[in-house]
N, C-alpha and C. Protein backbone atom coordinates (compact mmCIF):
# COMPACT_ATOMS: atom_id res chain seq x y z
N MET A 1 -24.27 153.40 -11.09
CA MET A 1 -24.63 152.06 -11.48
C MET A 1 -26.13 151.93 -11.59
N THR A 2 -26.50 151.10 -12.47
CA THR A 2 -27.93 150.84 -12.60
C THR A 2 -28.33 149.77 -11.60
N GLU A 3 -29.60 149.66 -11.37
CA GLU A 3 -30.07 148.65 -10.42
C GLU A 3 -29.77 147.25 -10.91
N ALA A 4 -29.74 147.06 -12.20
CA ALA A 4 -29.46 145.74 -12.75
C ALA A 4 -28.02 145.33 -12.44
N ALA A 5 -27.13 146.30 -12.32
CA ALA A 5 -25.72 145.99 -12.08
C ALA A 5 -25.42 145.71 -10.61
N VAL A 6 -26.30 146.18 -9.73
CA VAL A 6 -26.08 145.96 -8.31
C VAL A 6 -26.79 144.67 -7.91
N HIS A 7 -26.00 143.75 -7.40
CA HIS A 7 -26.58 142.47 -7.00
C HIS A 7 -26.86 142.49 -5.51
N ARG A 8 -28.10 142.34 -5.17
CA ARG A 8 -28.49 142.27 -3.76
C ARG A 8 -29.02 140.87 -3.49
N PRO A 9 -28.34 140.16 -2.65
CA PRO A 9 -28.84 138.81 -2.37
C PRO A 9 -30.19 138.87 -1.66
N GLU A 10 -31.03 137.90 -1.99
CA GLU A 10 -32.33 137.85 -1.35
C GLU A 10 -32.16 137.43 0.10
N HIS A 11 -32.96 138.00 0.94
CA HIS A 11 -32.90 137.62 2.35
C HIS A 11 -33.69 136.33 2.53
N LYS A 12 -33.00 135.31 3.00
CA LYS A 12 -33.68 134.04 3.25
C LYS A 12 -33.95 133.93 4.74
N PRO A 13 -35.15 133.54 5.09
CA PRO A 13 -35.43 133.39 6.51
C PRO A 13 -34.61 132.25 7.09
N GLU A 14 -34.17 132.43 8.34
CA GLU A 14 -33.38 131.39 8.98
C GLU A 14 -34.30 130.24 9.35
N THR A 15 -33.83 129.04 9.08
CA THR A 15 -34.63 127.86 9.39
C THR A 15 -33.83 126.92 10.28
N ARG A 16 -34.54 126.17 11.05
CA ARG A 16 -33.90 125.17 11.90
C ARG A 16 -33.83 123.85 11.13
N SER A 17 -32.87 123.06 11.54
CA SER A 17 -32.69 121.77 10.89
C SER A 17 -33.91 120.90 11.15
N PRO A 18 -34.42 120.24 10.10
CA PRO A 18 -35.59 119.36 10.31
C PRO A 18 -35.23 118.11 11.10
N SER A 19 -33.95 117.84 11.27
CA SER A 19 -33.55 116.64 12.00
C SER A 19 -33.49 116.86 13.51
N GLN A 20 -33.66 118.09 13.98
CA GLN A 20 -33.58 118.35 15.41
C GLN A 20 -34.65 117.60 16.20
N PRO A 21 -35.90 117.58 15.78
CA PRO A 21 -36.89 116.84 16.57
C PRO A 21 -36.53 115.35 16.71
N LEU A 22 -35.99 114.76 15.65
CA LEU A 22 -35.57 113.36 15.72
C LEU A 22 -34.43 113.21 16.71
N MET A 23 -33.47 114.12 16.67
CA MET A 23 -32.33 114.08 17.59
C MET A 23 -32.83 114.14 19.03
N VAL A 24 -33.71 115.06 19.31
CA VAL A 24 -34.23 115.23 20.67
C VAL A 24 -35.03 114.00 21.09
N LEU A 25 -35.84 113.47 20.19
CA LEU A 25 -36.65 112.30 20.50
C LEU A 25 -35.79 111.09 20.85
N VAL A 26 -34.73 110.87 20.10
CA VAL A 26 -33.85 109.73 20.38
C VAL A 26 -33.11 109.95 21.71
N TRP A 27 -32.70 111.18 22.00
CA TRP A 27 -32.06 111.43 23.29
C TRP A 27 -33.03 111.22 24.45
N ILE A 28 -34.28 111.60 24.26
CA ILE A 28 -35.28 111.37 25.31
C ILE A 28 -35.42 109.86 25.55
N ALA A 29 -35.48 109.08 24.47
CA ALA A 29 -35.57 107.62 24.61
C ALA A 29 -34.33 107.07 25.31
N PHE A 30 -33.16 107.58 24.95
CA PHE A 30 -31.90 107.13 25.56
C PHE A 30 -31.93 107.40 27.07
N ILE A 31 -32.31 108.60 27.45
CA ILE A 31 -32.34 108.98 28.86
C ILE A 31 -33.40 108.19 29.61
N ALA A 32 -34.54 107.92 28.96
CA ALA A 32 -35.57 107.10 29.59
C ALA A 32 -35.04 105.69 29.84
N LEU A 33 -34.29 105.14 28.89
CA LEU A 33 -33.69 103.82 29.09
C LEU A 33 -32.69 103.86 30.24
N MET A 34 -31.91 104.92 30.33
CA MET A 34 -30.97 105.06 31.45
C MET A 34 -31.71 105.00 32.78
N ALA A 35 -32.85 105.66 32.84
CA ALA A 35 -33.58 105.76 34.10
C ALA A 35 -34.39 104.51 34.43
N PHE A 36 -34.97 103.88 33.42
CA PHE A 36 -35.93 102.81 33.69
C PHE A 36 -35.51 101.42 33.23
N ASP A 37 -34.56 101.32 32.30
CA ASP A 37 -34.19 100.00 31.77
C ASP A 37 -32.75 100.03 31.27
N ALA A 38 -31.83 100.26 32.18
CA ALA A 38 -30.41 100.37 31.81
C ALA A 38 -29.88 99.08 31.19
N ALA A 39 -30.50 97.94 31.49
CA ALA A 39 -30.05 96.67 30.92
C ALA A 39 -30.18 96.67 29.39
N THR A 40 -31.17 97.40 28.88
CA THR A 40 -31.33 97.49 27.43
C THR A 40 -30.14 98.23 26.81
N LEU A 41 -29.67 99.27 27.46
CA LEU A 41 -28.49 99.97 26.96
C LEU A 41 -27.28 99.04 26.97
N ASP A 42 -27.17 98.20 27.99
CA ASP A 42 -26.08 97.23 28.06
C ASP A 42 -26.17 96.23 26.92
N ARG A 43 -27.40 95.78 26.62
CA ARG A 43 -27.59 94.82 25.50
C ARG A 43 -27.27 95.48 24.16
N ILE A 44 -27.66 96.73 23.98
CA ILE A 44 -27.36 97.43 22.73
C ILE A 44 -25.85 97.57 22.57
N TRP A 45 -25.16 97.91 23.66
CA TRP A 45 -23.70 98.04 23.62
C TRP A 45 -23.05 96.70 23.26
N SER A 46 -23.51 95.62 23.88
CA SER A 46 -22.97 94.29 23.59
C SER A 46 -23.22 93.91 22.13
N TRP A 47 -24.42 94.21 21.65
CA TRP A 47 -24.75 93.91 20.25
C TRP A 47 -23.82 94.70 19.31
N LEU A 48 -23.65 95.98 19.60
CA LEU A 48 -22.79 96.82 18.77
C LEU A 48 -21.36 96.30 18.76
N ARG A 49 -20.83 95.98 19.92
CA ARG A 49 -19.45 95.49 20.02
C ARG A 49 -19.28 94.11 19.40
N GLY A 50 -20.38 93.37 19.24
CA GLY A 50 -20.32 92.05 18.64
C GLY A 50 -20.40 92.05 17.12
N LEU A 51 -20.66 93.21 16.54
CA LEU A 51 -20.74 93.31 15.07
C LEU A 51 -19.35 93.18 14.46
N PRO A 52 -19.29 92.80 13.19
CA PRO A 52 -18.00 92.85 12.49
C PRO A 52 -17.47 94.28 12.52
N LEU A 53 -16.15 94.40 12.51
CA LEU A 53 -15.52 95.71 12.68
C LEU A 53 -16.04 96.75 11.69
N ALA A 54 -16.19 96.37 10.43
CA ALA A 54 -16.66 97.33 9.42
C ALA A 54 -18.06 97.84 9.75
N ALA A 55 -18.94 96.95 10.17
CA ALA A 55 -20.31 97.36 10.53
C ALA A 55 -20.29 98.24 11.77
N GLU A 56 -19.43 97.90 12.74
CA GLU A 56 -19.34 98.71 13.95
C GLU A 56 -18.85 100.12 13.62
N ILE A 57 -17.88 100.23 12.74
CA ILE A 57 -17.36 101.54 12.35
C ILE A 57 -18.46 102.35 11.67
N VAL A 58 -19.22 101.72 10.79
CA VAL A 58 -20.32 102.41 10.10
C VAL A 58 -21.33 102.93 11.12
N LEU A 59 -21.68 102.09 12.09
CA LEU A 59 -22.64 102.54 13.11
C LEU A 59 -22.08 103.66 13.97
N TRP A 60 -20.78 103.62 14.28
CA TRP A 60 -20.17 104.72 15.03
C TRP A 60 -20.30 106.02 14.25
N ILE A 61 -20.14 105.95 12.94
CA ILE A 61 -20.23 107.15 12.11
C ILE A 61 -21.67 107.63 12.00
N VAL A 62 -22.59 106.72 11.73
CA VAL A 62 -23.99 107.08 11.50
C VAL A 62 -24.67 107.55 12.78
N ALA A 63 -24.38 106.89 13.90
CA ALA A 63 -25.07 107.19 15.15
C ALA A 63 -24.11 107.70 16.22
N LEU A 64 -23.15 108.51 15.81
CA LEU A 64 -22.09 108.96 16.71
C LEU A 64 -22.58 109.51 18.05
N PRO A 65 -23.54 110.40 18.09
CA PRO A 65 -23.92 110.96 19.39
C PRO A 65 -24.38 109.88 20.39
N TRP A 66 -25.19 108.95 19.91
CA TRP A 66 -25.74 107.94 20.81
C TRP A 66 -24.73 106.84 21.12
N VAL A 67 -23.87 106.53 20.19
CA VAL A 67 -22.83 105.55 20.48
C VAL A 67 -21.84 106.13 21.50
N LEU A 68 -21.56 107.42 21.38
CA LEU A 68 -20.75 108.06 22.42
C LEU A 68 -21.45 107.97 23.77
N GLY A 69 -22.75 108.19 23.76
CA GLY A 69 -23.53 108.05 24.99
C GLY A 69 -23.45 106.64 25.56
N LEU A 70 -23.54 105.64 24.68
CA LEU A 70 -23.40 104.25 25.12
C LEU A 70 -22.01 103.99 25.70
N ALA A 71 -21.00 104.53 25.04
CA ALA A 71 -19.63 104.33 25.52
C ALA A 71 -19.46 104.96 26.91
N VAL A 72 -20.03 106.14 27.10
CA VAL A 72 -19.96 106.78 28.41
C VAL A 72 -20.72 105.94 29.44
N TRP A 73 -21.88 105.43 29.04
CA TRP A 73 -22.68 104.62 29.96
C TRP A 73 -21.91 103.37 30.40
N GLN A 74 -21.08 102.82 29.52
CA GLN A 74 -20.32 101.62 29.84
C GLN A 74 -19.03 101.92 30.61
N ALA A 75 -18.69 103.19 30.74
CA ALA A 75 -17.45 103.56 31.45
C ALA A 75 -17.54 103.16 32.92
N SER A 76 -16.40 103.06 33.54
CA SER A 76 -16.37 102.64 34.95
C SER A 76 -16.47 103.81 35.92
N TRP A 77 -16.91 104.95 35.44
CA TRP A 77 -17.05 106.14 36.27
C TRP A 77 -18.23 105.97 37.23
N ASP A 78 -18.29 106.84 38.22
CA ASP A 78 -19.47 106.88 39.09
C ASP A 78 -20.71 107.17 38.26
N THR A 79 -21.84 106.65 38.72
CA THR A 79 -23.08 106.80 37.95
C THR A 79 -23.42 108.27 37.73
N TRP A 80 -23.28 109.10 38.75
CA TRP A 80 -23.67 110.50 38.60
C TRP A 80 -22.81 111.20 37.54
N ILE A 81 -21.53 110.82 37.43
CA ILE A 81 -20.67 111.43 36.41
C ILE A 81 -21.12 110.99 35.03
N ARG A 82 -21.44 109.71 34.87
CA ARG A 82 -21.91 109.22 33.57
C ARG A 82 -23.20 109.91 33.16
N VAL A 83 -24.12 110.08 34.11
CA VAL A 83 -25.39 110.73 33.80
C VAL A 83 -25.15 112.18 33.38
N VAL A 84 -24.31 112.90 34.10
CA VAL A 84 -24.03 114.30 33.76
C VAL A 84 -23.39 114.40 32.38
N VAL A 85 -22.42 113.54 32.09
CA VAL A 85 -21.75 113.58 30.78
C VAL A 85 -22.74 113.27 29.66
N ILE A 86 -23.61 112.29 29.87
CA ILE A 86 -24.60 111.95 28.84
C ILE A 86 -25.58 113.10 28.65
N LEU A 87 -26.01 113.73 29.72
CA LEU A 87 -26.90 114.89 29.58
C LEU A 87 -26.21 116.03 28.83
N LEU A 88 -24.93 116.23 29.10
CA LEU A 88 -24.18 117.26 28.37
C LEU A 88 -24.05 116.89 26.89
N LEU A 89 -23.81 115.61 26.61
CA LEU A 89 -23.76 115.16 25.20
C LEU A 89 -25.10 115.41 24.52
N ALA A 90 -26.18 115.09 25.21
CA ALA A 90 -27.52 115.28 24.63
C ALA A 90 -27.78 116.75 24.33
N LEU A 91 -27.44 117.62 25.27
CA LEU A 91 -27.64 119.06 25.05
C LEU A 91 -26.76 119.57 23.92
N PHE A 92 -25.50 119.14 23.91
CA PHE A 92 -24.57 119.58 22.87
C PHE A 92 -25.04 119.17 21.48
N TRP A 93 -25.32 117.88 21.30
CA TRP A 93 -25.71 117.40 19.98
C TRP A 93 -27.07 117.96 19.55
N SER A 94 -28.00 118.09 20.48
CA SER A 94 -29.30 118.66 20.13
C SER A 94 -29.17 120.12 19.72
N SER A 95 -28.27 120.85 20.38
CA SER A 95 -28.09 122.26 20.01
C SER A 95 -27.41 122.38 18.65
N ILE A 96 -26.50 121.48 18.34
CA ILE A 96 -25.87 121.51 17.02
C ILE A 96 -26.90 121.26 15.93
N PHE A 97 -27.75 120.27 16.13
CA PHE A 97 -28.76 119.96 15.11
C PHE A 97 -29.86 121.00 15.07
N GLY A 98 -29.99 121.80 16.12
CA GLY A 98 -31.00 122.84 16.14
C GLY A 98 -30.46 124.19 15.72
N ALA A 99 -29.19 124.24 15.36
CA ALA A 99 -28.58 125.52 14.97
C ALA A 99 -29.26 126.09 13.74
N LYS A 100 -29.41 127.38 13.74
CA LYS A 100 -30.02 128.04 12.59
C LYS A 100 -29.06 128.00 11.43
N ARG A 101 -29.61 127.82 10.26
CA ARG A 101 -28.80 127.75 9.04
C ARG A 101 -29.11 128.90 8.14
């Protein structure tokens, strides 16, 4: 075969998602609110639950990681369990957005 007939794909360098820093920054803000101003998380949850159903569904889809975090924060579990689950959510979602492509 000639070189023209052999197709060699170009090697593309692996890149990280540009959205990872934003994901990490929002999780840091979420965790800071948990530690220093949990009432704000409660107000955000109340605001979210007060939206019309269609708007609430859209926000669940758009901001799924943090809305899950809010839902866990509102759970009736012991505080230490809620904190551990939220930290695991933060690590999980941040690692997904930081995955090499």
